[in-house]
PDB file of N, CA and C in Angstrom:
ATOM      1  N   MET A   1      80.000  30.472  26.643  1.00  0.00           N
ATOM      2  CA  MET A   1      80.113  30.536  28.125  1.00  0.00           C
ATOM      3  C   MET A   1      81.821  29.960  28.530  1.00  0.00           C
ATOM      4  N   ARG A   2      82.311  30.316  29.697  1.00  0.00           N
ATOM      5  CA  ARG A   2      83.211  30.299  30.333  1.00  0.00           C
ATOM      6  C   ARG A   2      83.740  28.961  30.733  1.00  0.00           C
ATOM      7  N   THR A   3      84.667  27.852  30.700  1.00  0.00           N
ATOM      8  CA  THR A   3      85.255  26.628  30.697  1.00  0.00           C
ATOM      9  C   THR A   3      84.947  26.856  32.574  1.00  0.00           C
ATOM     10  N   GLU A   4      85.398  27.865  32.661  1.00  0.00           N
ATOM     11  CA  GLU A   4      85.898  27.574  34.426  1.00  0.00           C
ATOM     12  C   GLU A   4      84.353  27.536  35.294  1.00  0.00           C
ATOM     13  N   ALA A   5      83.487  27.970  34.247  1.00  0.00           N
ATOM     14  CA  ALA A   5      82.004  28.330  34.708  1.00  0.00           C
ATOM     15  C   ALA A   5      81.350  26.231  35.006  1.00  0.00           C
ATOM     16  N   LEU A   6      82.171  25.885  34.005  1.00  0.00           N
ATOM     17  CA  LEU A   6      81.495  24.569  33.564  1.00  0.00           C
ATOM     18  C   LEU A   6      82.093  23.696  34.877  1.00  0.00           C
ATOM     19  N   CYS A   7      83.095  23.813  35.744  1.00  0.00           N
ATOM     20  CA  CYS A   7      83.819  22.639  36.376  1.00  0.00           C
ATOM     21  C   CYS A   7      84.422  21.723  35.804  1.00  0.00           C
ATOM     22  N   LEU A   8      85.353  22.006  34.741  1.00  0.00           N
ATOM     23  CA  LEU A   8      86.118  21.479  33.910  1.00  0.00           C
ATOM     24  C   LEU A   8      87.609  21.531  34.268  1.00  0.00           C
ATOM     25  N   ASP A   9      88.536  20.222  34.702  1.00  0.00           N
ATOM     26  CA  ASP A   9      90.086  20.778  34.480  1.00  0.00           C
ATOM     27  C   ASP A   9      90.656  20.472  32.896  1.00  0.00           C
ATOM     28  N   SER A  10      92.105  21.170  32.734  1.00  0.00           N
ATOM     29  CA  SER A  10      92.223  21.016  31.834  1.00  0.00           C
ATOM     30  C   SER A  10      92.046  19.692  30.679  1.00  0.00           C
ATOM     31  N   SER A  11      91.958  18.678  31.335  1.00  0.00           N
ATOM     32  CA  SER A  11      91.922  18.109  30.272  1.00  0.00           C
ATOM     33  C   SER A  11      90.666  17.552  29.493  1.00  0.00           C
ATOM     34  N   MET A  12      89.590  17.545  30.225  1.00  0.00           N
ATOM     35  CA  MET A  12      88.288  17.985  29.679  1.00  0.00           C
ATOM     36  C   MET A  12      88.149  18.488  29.132  1.00  0.00           C
ATOM     37  N   GLN A  13      88.724  20.308  28.967  1.00  0.00           N
ATOM     38  CA  GLN A  13      88.250  20.998  28.120  1.00  0.00           C
ATOM     39  C   GLN A  13      88.434  20.508  26.788  1.00  0.00           C
ATOM     40  N   HIS A  14      89.052  19.633  26.187  1.00  0.00           N
ATOM     41  CA  HIS A  14      89.634  19.369  24.712  1.00  0.00           C
ATOM     42  C   HIS A  14      88.106  18.806  24.215  1.00  0.00           C
ATOM     43  N   ASP A  15      87.623  17.911  25.382  1.00  0.00           N
ATOM     44  CA  ASP A  15      86.802  17.013  25.264  1.00  0.00           C
ATOM     45  C   ASP A  15      84.995  17.927  24.718  1.00  0.00           C
ATOM     46  N   VAL A  16      84.967  17.924  23.523  1.00  0.00           N
ATOM     47  CA  VAL A  16      84.102  18.839  22.366  1.00  0.00           C
ATOM     48  C   VAL A  16      82.704  18.448  23.022  1.00  0.00           C
ATOM     49  N   LYS A  17      82.437  17.059  23.318  1.00  0.00           N
ATOM     50  CA  LYS A  17      81.043  16.444  23.475  1.00  0.00           C
ATOM     51  C   LYS A  17      81.067  16.693  24.907  1.00  0.00           C
ATOM     52  N   LEU A  18      81.794  16.440  25.645  1.00  0.00           N
ATOM     53  CA  LEU A  18      81.521  16.830  27.157  1.00  0.00           C
ATOM     54  C   LEU A  18      81.131  18.339  27.292  1.00  0.00           C
ATOM     55  N   VAL A  19      82.055  19.195  26.871  1.00  0.00           N
ATOM     56  CA  VAL A  19      81.907  20.630  26.733  1.00  0.00           C
ATOM     57  C   VAL A  19      80.636  21.010  26.819  1.00  0.00           C
ATOM     58  N   GLN A  20      80.045  20.668  25.167  1.00  0.00           N
ATOM     59  CA  GLN A  20      78.993  20.836  24.865  1.00  0.00           C
ATOM     60  C   GLN A  20      77.274  20.259  25.659  1.00  0.00           C
ATOM     61  N   GLU A  21      77.450  18.885  26.397  1.00  0.00           N
ATOM     62  CA  GLU A  21      76.687  18.234  27.354  1.00  0.00           C
ATOM     63  C   GLU A  21      76.601  19.239  28.536  1.00  0.00           C
ATOM     64  N   LYS A  22      77.987  19.723  29.181  1.00  0.00           N
ATOM     65  CA  LYS A  22      78.012  20.608  30.364  1.00  0.00           C
ATOM     66  C   LYS A  22      77.015  21.792  30.156  1.00  0.00           C
ATOM     67  N   ILE A  23      77.432  22.312  29.138  1.00  0.00           N
ATOM     68  CA  ILE A  23      76.438  23.437  28.129  1.00  0.00           C
ATOM     69  C   ILE A  23      75.119  23.247  28.135  1.00  0.00           C
ATOM     70  N   GLN A  24      74.884  22.637  27.446  1.00  0.00           N
ATOM     71  CA  GLN A  24      73.272  22.041  27.530  1.00  0.00           C
ATOM     72  C   GLN A  24      72.605  21.595  29.178  1.00  0.00           C
ATOM     73  N   LEU A  25      73.461  20.948  29.874  1.00  0.00           N
ATOM     74  CA  LEU A  25      72.832  21.116  30.755  1.00  0.00           C
ATOM     75  C   LEU A  25      72.280  22.609  32.242  1.00  0.00           C
ATOM     76  N   ALA A  26      73.458  23.342  31.632  1.00  0.00           N
ATOM     77  CA  ALA A  26      73.948  24.613  32.714  1.00  0.00           C
ATOM     78  C   ALA A  26      72.307  25.152  32.163  1.00  0.00           C
ATOM     79  N   ARG A  27      72.208  25.330  30.293  1.00  0.00           N
ATOM     80  CA  ARG A  27      71.009  25.829  29.966  1.00  0.00           C
ATOM     81  C   ARG A  27      69.803  25.305  30.517  1.00  0.00           C
ATOM     82  N   GLU A  28      69.889  24.006  30.360  1.00  0.00           N
ATOM     83  CA  GLU A  28      68.476  23.628  31.555  1.00  0.00           C
ATOM     84  C   GLU A  28      68.142  23.729  32.265  1.00  0.00           C
ATOM     85  N   LEU A  29      69.291  24.021  33.244  1.00  0.00           N
ATOM     86  CA  LEU A  29      69.177  24.405  34.635  1.00  0.00           C
ATOM     87  C   LEU A  29      69.084  25.844  34.989  1.00  0.00           C
ATOM     88  N   ALA A  30      69.327  26.663  34.139  1.00  0.00           N
ATOM     89  CA  ALA A  30      68.872  28.282  33.626  1.00  0.00           C
ATOM     90  C   ALA A  30      67.455  28.546  33.507  1.00  0.00           C
ATOM     91  N   THR A  31      67.293  27.731  32.721  1.00  0.00           N
ATOM     92  CA  THR A  31      65.446  27.653  31.846  1.00  0.00           C
ATOM     93  C   THR A  31      64.600  26.671  33.425  1.00  0.00           C
ATOM     94  N   MET A  32      65.050  25.901  34.084  1.00  0.00           N
ATOM     95  CA  MET A  32      64.101  25.560  34.942  1.00  0.00           C
ATOM     96  C   MET A  32      64.418  26.636  36.364  1.00  0.00           C
ATOM     97  N   LEU A  33      65.294  27.181  36.395  1.00  0.00           N
ATOM     98  CA  LEU A  33      65.627  27.989  37.262  1.00  0.00           C
ATOM     99  C   LEU A  33      64.650  29.539  37.230  1.00  0.00           C
ATOM    100  N   ARG A  34      64.802  29.863  35.680  1.00  0.00           N
ATOM    101  CA  ARG A  34      64.024  31.026  35.754  1.00  0.00           C
ATOM    102  C   ARG A  34      62.003  30.825  35.513  1.00  0.00           C
ATOM    103  N   ARG A  35      62.063  29.809  34.858  1.00  0.00           N
ATOM    104  CA  ARG A  35      60.387  29.065  35.101  1.00  0.00           C
ATOM    105  C   ARG A  35      59.742  29.045  36.869  1.00  0.00           C
ATOM    106  N   ASN A  36      60.929  28.256  37.872  1.00  0.00           N
ATOM    107  CA  ASN A  36      60.289  28.110  38.828  1.00  0.00           C
ATOM    108  C   ASN A  36      60.588  28.731  40.604  1.00  0.00           C
ATOM    109  N   VAL A  37      61.448  30.293  40.003  1.00  0.00           N
ATOM    110  CA  VAL A  37      62.020  30.564  41.140  1.00  0.00           C
ATOM    111  C   VAL A  37      61.526  31.995  41.013  1.00  0.00           C
ATOM    112  N   VAL A  38      61.134  32.468  42.343  1.00  0.00           N
ATOM    113  CA  VAL A  38      60.365  33.936  42.161  1.00  0.00           C
ATOM    114  C   VAL A  38      60.852  34.739  43.544  1.00  0.00           C
ATOM    115  N   GLN A  39      61.238  35.720  43.009  1.00  0.00           N
ATOM    116  CA  GLN A  39      61.393  36.471  44.150  1.00  0.00           C
ATOM    117  C   GLN A  39      60.726  37.266  45.140  1.00  0.00           C
ATOM    118  N   ALA A  40      61.146  37.210  46.412  1.00  0.00           N
ATOM    119  CA  ALA A  40      59.964  37.421  47.417  1.00  0.00           C
ATOM    120  C   ALA A  40      60.362  38.770  48.585  1.00  0.00           C
ATOM    121  N   ARG A  41      59.687  39.482  48.665  1.00  0.00           N
ATOM    122  CA  ARG A  41      59.981  40.797  49.886  1.00  0.00           C
ATOM    123  C   ARG A  41      59.208  40.687  51.048  1.00  0.00           C
ATOM    124  N   ARG A  42      59.499  40.690  52.054  1.00  0.00           N
ATOM    125  CA  ARG A  42      58.373  40.574  53.252  1.00  0.00           C
ATOM    126  C   ARG A  42      58.288  42.475  53.320  1.00  0.00           C
ATOM    127  N   THR A  43      57.227  42.551  53.597  1.00  0.00           N
ATOM    128  CA  THR A  43      56.460  44.282  53.776  1.00  0.00           C
ATOM    129  C   THR A  43      55.783  43.732  55.293  1.00  0.00           C
ATOM    130  N   GLN A  44      55.227  45.101  56.080  1.00  0.00           N
ATOM    131  CA  GLN A  44      54.276  44.904  56.664  1.00  0.00           C
ATOM    132  C   GLN A  44      53.248  45.794  56.487  1.00  0.00           C
ATOM    133  N   THR A  45      51.913  45.086  56.642  1.00  0.00           N
ATOM    134  CA  THR A  45      50.135  45.403  56.505  1.00  0.00           C
ATOM    135  C   THR A  45      50.322  46.589  57.228  1.00  0.00           C
ATOM    136  N   GLN A  46      49.391  47.464  56.655  1.00  0.00           N
ATOM    137  CA  GLN A  46      48.572  48.237  57.620  1.00  0.00           C
ATOM    138  C   GLN A  46      48.184  48.117  58.761  1.00  0.00           C
ATOM    139  N   ASP A  47      47.746  46.673  58.980  1.00  0.00           N
ATOM    140  CA  ASP A  47      47.348  46.373  60.560  1.00  0.00           C
ATOM    141  C   ASP A  47      49.424  45.974  61.429  1.00  0.00           C
ATOM    142  N   GLY A  48      50.108  46.041  60.620  1.00  0.00           N
ATOM    143  CA  GLY A  48      51.585  45.956  61.187  1.00  0.00           C
ATOM    144  C   GLY A  48      51.389  44.050  61.086  1.00  0.00           C
ATOM    145  N   ASP A  49      50.616  43.211  60.502  1.00  0.00           N
ATOM    146  CA  ASP A  49      50.762  42.283  59.901  1.00  0.00           C
ATOM    147  C   ASP A  49      51.980  41.528  58.847  1.00  0.00           C
ATOM    148  N   ASP A  50      53.049  40.957  59.271  1.00  0.00           N
ATOM    149  CA  ASP A  50      53.819  40.495  58.033  1.00  0.00           C
ATOM    150  C   ASP A  50      53.095  39.929  56.603  1.00  0.00           C
ATOM    151  N   ALA A  51      53.423  40.655  55.874  1.00  0.00           N
ATOM    152  CA  ALA A  51      53.106  40.142  54.161  1.00  0.00           C
ATOM    153  C   ALA A  51      54.174  39.782  53.435  1.00  0.00           C
ATOM    154  N   TRP A  52      53.858  39.083  52.282  1.00  0.00           N
ATOM    155  CA  TRP A  52      55.054  38.894  51.467  1.00  0.00           C
ATOM    156  C   TRP A  52      54.585  39.344  50.014  1.00  0.00           C
ATOM    157  N   ASN A  53      55.845  39.917  49.394  1.00  0.00           N
ATOM    158  CA  ASN A  53      55.459  40.814  48.177  1.00  0.00           C
ATOM    159  C   ASN A  53      56.103  39.607  46.836  1.00  0.00           C
ATOM    160  N   LEU A  54      55.194  38.980  46.046  1.00  0.00           N
ATOM    161  CA  LEU A  54      56.063  38.278  44.900  1.00  0.00           C
ATOM    162  C   LEU A  54      56.499  38.789  44.169  1.00  0.00           C
ATOM    163  N   ARG A  55      57.407  38.463  43.676  1.00  0.00           N
ATOM    164  CA  ARG A  55      57.517  38.992  41.738  1.00  0.00           C
ATOM    165  C   ARG A  55      57.351  38.378  40.793  1.00  0.00           C
ATOM    166  N   PHE A  56      57.040  38.325  40.216  1.00  0.00           N
ATOM    167  CA  PHE A  56      56.363  37.367  38.716  1.00  0.00           C
ATOM    168  C   PHE A  56      57.138  37.748  37.592  1.00  0.00           C
ATOM    169  N   THR A  57      57.549  36.681  36.947  1.00  0.00           N
ATOM    170  CA  THR A  57      58.054  37.488  35.426  1.00  0.00           C
ATOM    171  C   THR A  57      57.220  36.788  34.479  1.00  0.00           C
ATOM    172  N   LYS A  58      57.807  37.339  33.362  1.00  0.00           N
ATOM    173  CA  LYS A  58      57.102  36.826  32.172  1.00  0.00           C
ATOM    174  C   LYS A  58      57.134  35.503  31.845  1.00  0.00           C
ATOM    175  N   ASP A  59      58.538  34.589  32.278  1.00  0.00           N
ATOM    176  CA  ASP A  59      58.817  33.320  32.196  1.00  0.00           C
ATOM    177  C   ASP A  59      58.449  32.621  33.611  1.00  0.00           C
ATOM    178  N   THR A  60      57.809  32.801  34.429  1.00  0.00           N
ATOM    179  CA  THR A  60      57.304  31.830  35.541  1.00  0.00           C
ATOM    180  C   THR A  60      56.291  31.261  35.222  1.00  0.00           C
ATOM    181  N   GLU A  61      56.125  29.929  35.429  1.00  0.00           N
ATOM    182  CA  GLU A  61      55.098  29.006  35.381  1.00  0.00           C
ATOM    183  C   GLU A  61      54.396  29.066  36.272  1.00  0.00           C
ATOM    184  N   LEU A  62      53.277  29.626  36.118  1.00  0.00           N
ATOM    185  CA  LEU A  62      51.779  29.500  36.884  1.00  0.00           C
ATOM    186  C   LEU A  62      51.297  27.892  36.365  1.00  0.00           C
ATOM    187  N   GLY A  63      51.328  27.526  37.259  1.00  0.00           N
ATOM    188  CA  GLY A  63      50.537  25.645  37.336  1.00  0.00           C
ATOM    189  C   GLY A  63      49.491  25.506  38.041  1.00  0.00           C
ATOM    190  N   GLU A  64      48.765  24.487  37.911  1.00  0.00           N
ATOM    191  CA  GLU A  64      47.878  24.011  39.366  1.00  0.00           C
ATOM    192  C   GLU A  64      48.814  22.906  40.293  1.00  0.00           C
ATOM    193  N   ASN A  65      48.113  22.563  41.245  1.00  0.00           N
ATOM    194  CA  ASN A  65      48.692  21.977  41.731  1.00  0.00           C
ATOM    195  C   ASN A  65      47.843  20.859  42.475  1.00  0.00           C
ATOM    196  N   GLU A  66      47.488  20.605  41.172  1.00  0.00           N
ATOM    197  CA  GLU A  66      46.273  18.957  41.200  1.00  0.00           C
ATOM    198  C   GLU A  66      46.751  18.278  41.619  1.00  0.00           C
ATOM    199  N   SER A  67      47.737  17.732  40.916  1.00  0.00           N
ATOM    200  CA  SER A  67      49.051  16.797  41.439  1.00  0.00           C
ATOM    201  C   SER A  67      49.521  16.242  42.750  1.00  0.00           C
ATOM    202  N   ILE A  68      49.448  17.397  43.284  1.00  0.00           N
ATOM    203  CA  ILE A  68      50.123  17.829  44.697  1.00  0.00           C
ATOM    204  C   ILE A  68      48.752  17.870  45.818  1.00  0.00           C
ATOM    205  N   LYS A  69      47.738  18.111  45.511  1.00  0.00           N
ATOM    206  CA  LYS A  69      46.307  18.323  46.215  1.00  0.00           C
ATOM    207  C   LYS A  69      46.453  16.836  46.424  1.00  0.00           C
ATOM    208  N   ASN A  70      45.999  16.086  45.191  1.00  0.00           N
ATOM    209  CA  ASN A  70      45.492  14.662  44.428  1.00  0.00           C
ATOM    210  C   ASN A  70      46.594  14.019  44.416  1.00  0.00           C
ATOM    211  N   PRO A  71      47.375  13.384  44.915  1.00  0.00           N
ATOM    212  CA  PRO A  71      48.590  12.125  44.555  1.00  0.00           C
ATOM    213  C   PRO A  71      48.037  11.257  44.426  1.00  0.00           C
ATOM    214  N   PRO A  72      48.540  10.166  43.743  1.00  0.00           N
ATOM    215  CA  PRO A  72      48.188   8.762  43.033  1.00  0.00           C
ATOM    216  C   PRO A  72      48.450   8.251  44.298  1.00  0.00           C
ATOM    217  N   PRO A  73      47.491   6.732  44.893  1.00  0.00           N
ATOM    218  CA  PRO A  73      48.155   6.001  46.143  1.00  0.00           C
ATOM    219  C   PRO A  73      49.114   5.300  45.937  1.00  0.00           C
ATOM    220  N   MET A  74      50.011   5.634  47.042  1.00  0.00           N
ATOM    221  CA  MET A  74      51.407   4.788  46.827  1.00  0.00           C
ATOM    222  C   MET A  74      51.235   3.540  48.098  1.00  0.00           C
ATOM    223  N   PRO A  75      51.676   2.669  47.599  1.00  0.00           N
ATOM    224  CA  PRO A  75      51.659   1.459  48.163  1.00  0.00           C
ATOM    225  C   PRO A  75      52.419   1.737  49.768  1.00  0.00           C
ATOM    226  N   SER A  76      52.341   0.919  50.998  1.00  0.00           N
ATOM    227  CA  SER A  76      52.941   1.038  52.034  1.00  0.00           C
ATOM    228  C   SER A  76      54.599   0.541  51.826  1.00  0.00           C
ATOM    229  N   SER A  77      55.540   0.680  52.561  1.00  0.00           N
ATOM    230  CA  SER A  77      56.525   0.295  52.415  1.00  0.00           C
ATOM    231  C   SER A  77      56.769  -1.142  52.831  1.00  0.00           C
ATOM    232  N   ARG A  78      55.620  -1.504  53.873  1.00  0.00           N
ATOM    233  CA  ARG A  78      55.564  -2.791  54.076  1.00  0.00           C
ATOM    234  C   ARG A  78      55.263  -3.560  53.321  1.00  0.00           C
ATOM    235  N   ARG A  79      54.307  -3.251  52.102  1.00  0.00           N
ATOM    236  CA  ARG A  79      53.597  -3.744  50.765  1.00  0.00           C
ATOM    237  C   ARG A  79      54.532  -3.632  49.882  1.00  0.00           C
ATOM    238  N   ALA A  80      55.344  -2.523  49.662  1.00  0.00           N
ATOM    239  CA  ALA A  80      56.365  -2.886  48.366  1.00  0.00           C
ATOM    240  C   ALA A  80      57.142  -3.594  48.834  1.00  0.00           C
ATOM    241  N   ARG A  81      57.724  -3.652  49.891  1.00  0.00           N
ATOM    242  CA  ARG A  81      58.570  -4.875  50.061  1.00  0.00           C
ATOM    243  C   ARG A  81      58.413  -6.037  50.033  1.00  0.00           C
ATOM    244  N   ARG A  82      57.066  -6.006  50.516  1.00  0.00           N
ATOM    245  CA  ARG A  82      56.988  -7.689  50.191  1.00  0.00           C
ATOM    246  C   ARG A  82      56.526  -7.897  48.434  1.00  0.00           C
ATOM    247  N   LEU A  83      55.914  -6.847  47.482  1.00  0.00           N
ATOM    248  CA  LEU A  83      55.821  -7.471  46.497  1.00  0.00           C
ATOM    249  C   LEU A  83      57.612  -7.349  45.926  1.00  0.00           C
ATOM    250  N   GLU A  84      58.451  -6.725  46.678  1.00  0.00           N
ATOM    251  CA  GLU A  84      59.397  -7.039  45.714  1.00  0.00           C
ATOM    252  C   GLU A  84      60.081  -8.327  46.215  1.00  0.00           C
ATOM    253  N   LYS A  85      59.438  -9.119  47.031  1.00  0.00           N
ATOM    254  CA  LYS A  85      60.172 -10.330  47.436  1.00  0.00           C
ATOM    255  C   LYS A  85      59.302 -11.669  46.706  1.00  0.00           C
ATOM    256  N   GLY A  86      58.159 -11.046  45.428  1.00  0.00           N
ATOM    257  CA  GLY A  86      57.254 -11.650  45.011  1.00  0.00           C
ATOM    258  C   GLY A  86      55.999 -11.946  45.538  1.00  0.00           C
ATOM    259  N   GLY A  87      55.220 -10.943  46.379  1.00  0.00           N
ATOM    260  CA  GLY A  87      54.373 -11.319  46.827  1.00  0.00           C
ATOM    261  C   GLY A  87      54.250 -12.257  47.662  1.00  0.00           C
ATOM    262  N   GLN A  88      55.169 -12.651  48.140  1.00  0.00           N
ATOM    263  CA  GLN A  88      55.054 -14.388  49.134  1.00  0.00           C
ATOM    264  C   GLN A  88      54.478 -13.958  50.731  1.00  0.00           C
ATOM    265  N   ARG A  89      54.052 -14.116  51.551  1.00  0.00           N
ATOM    266  CA  ARG A  89      54.357 -13.763  53.020  1.00  0.00           C
ATOM    267  C   ARG A  89      55.604 -14.852  53.605  1.00  0.00           C
ATOM    268  N   THR A  90      55.755 -13.810  54.594  1.00  0.00           N
ATOM    269  CA  THR A  90      56.944 -14.581  55.068  1.00  0.00           C
ATOM    270  C   THR A  90      56.925 -15.143  56.794  1.00  0.00           C
ATOM    271  N   CYS A  91      55.820 -14.873  57.442  1.00  0.00           N
ATOM    272  CA  CYS A  91      55.527 -14.914  58.563  1.00  0.00           C
ATOM    273  C   CYS A  91      53.870 -15.420  58.619  1.00  0.00           C
ATOM    274  N   CYS A  92      53.535 -16.179  58.966  1.00  0.00           N
ATOM    275  CA  CYS A  92      51.908 -16.698  59.989  1.00  0.00           C
ATOM    276  C   CYS A  92      51.380 -16.987  58.466  1.00  0.00           C
ATOM    277  N   SER A  93      51.844 -17.780  57.380  1.00  0.00           N
ATOM    278  CA  SER A  93      51.218 -18.238  56.734  1.00  0.00           C
ATOM    279  C   SER A  93      51.108 -19.633  56.581  1.00  0.00           C
ATOM    280  N   ALA A  94      49.992 -20.262  56.713  1.00  0.00           N
ATOM    281  CA  ALA A  94      49.662 -21.743  56.614  1.00  0.00           C
ATOM    282  C   ALA A  94      49.047 -22.379  54.992  1.00  0.00           C
TER     283      ALA A  94
END
């Protein structure tokens, strides 16, 4: 991999560990993009409506969206702030 693609200045290019970390990060990023990005092309249907043709590759991950459809309940921001303060009520407590 070219060092200019890693955004390293001349002093950092001689640090073998840093260069290896940057190369590993670049490879992980490339893998993530290859698995999660698809190409789309807008086309016209016979009715004249817009449609999208998607190009999936053998590397594209097709997952289920169950975690998105049914997310775990999250506390409200008020409750979260209260819990950060130790669960004590700051107002109107008797």
